[in-house]
Amino acid sequence: MERRPLATLRDIVDFTGLPPRTIYDQRHRGVGIGALGFKVGTQLRWDWADVDAWISQQKGQAAA
């Protein structure tokens, strides 16, 4: 399995189209894609596998 680098906030913004403030708010509230972020030093990062799983979950909820 190929290991991908961790996603940055900019990566998540570009990928989802959500504004950074929304992602920060989600992180603070513990919901959405923002809740998946974690600190590496002082920087927020996301594991792409978690992001992919979250997207799949969102697709499943939309189909229901």
N, C-alpha and C. Protein backbone atom coordinates (compact mmCIF):
# COMPACT_ATOMS: atom_id res chain seq x y z
N MET A 1 0.84 -1.18 0.00
CA MET A 1 0.00 0.00 0.00
C MET A 1 0.89 1.24 0.00
N GLU A 2 0.57 2.15 -0.88
CA GLU A 2 1.34 3.38 -0.97
C GLU A 2 0.92 4.35 0.13
N ARG A 3 1.88 4.92 0.79
CA ARG A 3 1.60 5.88 1.86
C ARG A 3 1.55 7.28 1.26
N ARG A 4 0.45 7.98 1.51
CA ARG A 4 0.29 9.35 1.03
C ARG A 4 0.69 10.31 2.14
N PRO A 5 1.21 11.48 1.77
CA PRO A 5 1.50 12.47 2.81
C PRO A 5 0.20 12.93 3.47
N LEU A 6 0.31 13.39 4.69
CA LEU A 6 -0.86 13.90 5.39
C LEU A 6 -1.38 15.15 4.69
N ALA A 7 -2.68 15.33 4.74
CA ALA A 7 -3.31 16.49 4.11
C ALA A 7 -3.18 17.71 5.00
N THR A 8 -2.98 18.84 4.38
CA THR A 8 -2.94 20.12 5.09
C THR A 8 -4.33 20.76 5.05
N LEU A 9 -4.50 21.82 5.80
CA LEU A 9 -5.76 22.56 5.75
C LEU A 9 -6.05 23.00 4.32
N ARG A 10 -5.05 23.50 3.62
CA ARG A 10 -5.23 23.94 2.24
C ARG A 10 -5.70 22.78 1.36
N ASP A 11 -5.13 21.59 1.57
CA ASP A 11 -5.57 20.41 0.82
C ASP A 11 -7.05 20.14 1.05
N ILE A 12 -7.47 20.21 2.31
CA ILE A 12 -8.87 19.93 2.65
C ILE A 12 -9.79 21.00 2.08
N VAL A 13 -9.37 22.25 2.15
CA VAL A 13 -10.14 23.35 1.56
C VAL A 13 -10.30 23.12 0.05
N ASP A 14 -9.20 22.81 -0.61
CA ASP A 14 -9.24 22.59 -2.06
C ASP A 14 -10.09 21.36 -2.41
N PHE A 15 -9.99 20.33 -1.61
CA PHE A 15 -10.69 19.07 -1.87
C PHE A 15 -12.19 19.19 -1.67
N THR A 16 -12.60 19.88 -0.59
CA THR A 16 -14.02 19.96 -0.25
C THR A 16 -14.72 21.21 -0.75
N GLY A 17 -13.96 22.27 -0.97
CA GLY A 17 -14.57 23.54 -1.34
C GLY A 17 -15.11 24.31 -0.14
N LEU A 18 -14.89 23.76 1.06
CA LEU A 18 -15.34 24.45 2.27
C LEU A 18 -14.33 25.54 2.65
N PRO A 19 -14.82 26.65 3.19
CA PRO A 19 -13.88 27.68 3.64
C PRO A 19 -13.12 27.22 4.89
N PRO A 20 -11.91 27.71 5.09
CA PRO A 20 -11.14 27.33 6.27
C PRO A 20 -11.90 27.56 7.58
N ARG A 21 -12.64 28.66 7.67
CA ARG A 21 -13.37 28.95 8.91
C ARG A 21 -14.37 27.84 9.24
N THR A 22 -15.04 27.31 8.23
CA THR A 22 -15.99 26.22 8.44
C THR A 22 -15.28 24.99 8.98
N ILE A 23 -14.13 24.69 8.42
CA ILE A 23 -13.37 23.52 8.87
C ILE A 23 -12.91 23.72 10.32
N TYR A 24 -12.43 24.91 10.64
CA TYR A 24 -12.04 25.20 12.03
C TYR A 24 -13.24 25.09 12.96
N ASP A 25 -14.39 25.62 12.54
CA ASP A 25 -15.60 25.54 13.37
C ASP A 25 -16.02 24.09 13.58
N GLN A 26 -15.97 23.29 12.52
CA GLN A 26 -16.30 21.87 12.65
C GLN A 26 -15.36 21.18 13.63
N ARG A 27 -14.09 21.50 13.53
CA ARG A 27 -13.11 20.89 14.44
C ARG A 27 -13.44 21.25 15.88
N HIS A 28 -13.75 22.50 16.12
CA HIS A 28 -14.08 22.96 17.47
C HIS A 28 -15.33 22.25 18.01
N ARG A 29 -16.32 22.03 17.13
CA ARG A 29 -17.57 21.38 17.54
C ARG A 29 -17.48 19.86 17.50
N GLY A 30 -16.41 19.32 16.92
CA GLY A 30 -16.23 17.87 16.85
C GLY A 30 -17.12 17.19 15.83
N VAL A 31 -17.40 17.89 14.74
CA VAL A 31 -18.27 17.34 13.69
C VAL A 31 -17.60 17.50 12.33
N GLY A 32 -18.16 16.80 11.35
CA GLY A 32 -17.72 16.97 9.97
C GLY A 32 -16.26 16.60 9.74
N ILE A 33 -15.79 17.04 8.62
CA ILE A 33 -14.41 16.72 8.24
C ILE A 33 -13.41 17.42 9.15
N GLY A 34 -13.80 18.55 9.73
CA GLY A 34 -12.92 19.25 10.65
C GLY A 34 -12.54 18.41 11.86
N ALA A 35 -13.47 17.57 12.31
CA ALA A 35 -13.23 16.74 13.49
C ALA A 35 -12.15 15.69 13.25
N LEU A 36 -11.87 15.40 11.99
CA LEU A 36 -10.87 14.38 11.67
C LEU A 36 -9.44 14.92 11.75
N GLY A 37 -9.31 16.24 11.81
CA GLY A 37 -7.99 16.85 11.85
C GLY A 37 -7.29 16.62 13.18
N PHE A 38 -5.99 16.58 13.14
CA PHE A 38 -5.18 16.42 14.35
C PHE A 38 -3.92 17.26 14.22
N LYS A 39 -3.35 17.58 15.36
CA LYS A 39 -2.16 18.43 15.37
C LYS A 39 -0.90 17.60 15.17
N VAL A 40 -0.05 18.11 14.32
CA VAL A 40 1.32 17.61 14.18
C VAL A 40 2.18 18.83 14.49
N GLY A 41 2.70 18.86 15.69
CA GLY A 41 3.37 20.08 16.15
C GLY A 41 2.31 21.16 16.32
N THR A 42 2.45 22.23 15.57
CA THR A 42 1.46 23.32 15.65
C THR A 42 0.52 23.33 14.45
N GLN A 43 0.70 22.40 13.54
CA GLN A 43 -0.07 22.39 12.30
C GLN A 43 -1.17 21.33 12.32
N LEU A 44 -2.31 21.66 11.72
CA LEU A 44 -3.38 20.68 11.55
C LEU A 44 -3.09 19.80 10.35
N ARG A 45 -3.35 18.53 10.51
CA ARG A 45 -3.18 17.58 9.41
C ARG A 45 -4.34 16.60 9.41
N TRP A 46 -4.58 16.00 8.25
CA TRP A 46 -5.61 14.98 8.09
C TRP A 46 -4.99 13.78 7.41
N ASP A 47 -5.42 12.61 7.83
CA ASP A 47 -5.01 11.38 7.17
C ASP A 47 -5.96 11.17 5.99
N TRP A 48 -5.42 11.00 4.81
CA TRP A 48 -6.26 10.86 3.62
C TRP A 48 -7.20 9.66 3.72
N ALA A 49 -6.78 8.61 4.40
CA ALA A 49 -7.66 7.44 4.57
C ALA A 49 -8.91 7.84 5.36
N ASP A 50 -8.74 8.68 6.38
CA ASP A 50 -9.89 9.17 7.15
C ASP A 50 -10.79 10.07 6.29
N VAL A 51 -10.16 10.90 5.48
CA VAL A 51 -10.92 11.79 4.60
C VAL A 51 -11.72 10.95 3.60
N ASP A 52 -11.09 9.95 3.01
CA ASP A 52 -11.78 9.08 2.05
C ASP A 52 -12.96 8.36 2.71
N ALA A 53 -12.75 7.88 3.94
CA ALA A 53 -13.83 7.20 4.67
C ALA A 53 -14.97 8.16 4.97
N TRP A 54 -14.64 9.39 5.33
CA TRP A 54 -15.66 10.40 5.62
C TRP A 54 -16.48 10.70 4.36
N ILE A 55 -15.80 10.83 3.22
CA ILE A 55 -16.49 11.09 1.96
C ILE A 55 -17.44 9.93 1.64
N SER A 56 -16.97 8.71 1.81
CA SER A 56 -17.82 7.54 1.55
C SER A 56 -19.05 7.55 2.46
N GLN A 57 -18.84 7.91 3.71
CA GLN A 57 -19.95 7.99 4.67
C GLN A 57 -20.96 9.05 4.22
N GLN A 58 -20.46 10.19 3.76
CA GLN A 58 -21.35 11.26 3.30
C GLN A 58 -22.16 10.81 2.09
N LYS A 59 -21.52 10.09 1.20
CA LYS A 59 -22.23 9.57 0.03
C LYS A 59 -23.33 8.61 0.45
N GLY A 60 -23.04 7.76 1.44
CA GLY A 60 -24.02 6.81 1.94
C GLY A 60 -25.21 7.50 2.57
N GLN A 61 -24.97 8.58 3.30
CA GLN A 61 -26.06 9.32 3.94
C GLN A 61 -26.90 10.04 2.90
N ALA A 62 -26.26 10.52 1.85
CA ALA A 62 -27.00 11.23 0.80
C ALA A 62 -27.91 10.28 0.04
N ALA A 63 -27.49 9.02 -0.08
CA ALA A 63 -28.28 8.04 -0.82
C ALA A 63 -29.45 7.52 0.00
N ALA A 64 -29.36 7.66 1.31
CA ALA A 64 -30.42 7.12 2.20
C ALA A 64 -31.65 8.00 2.21
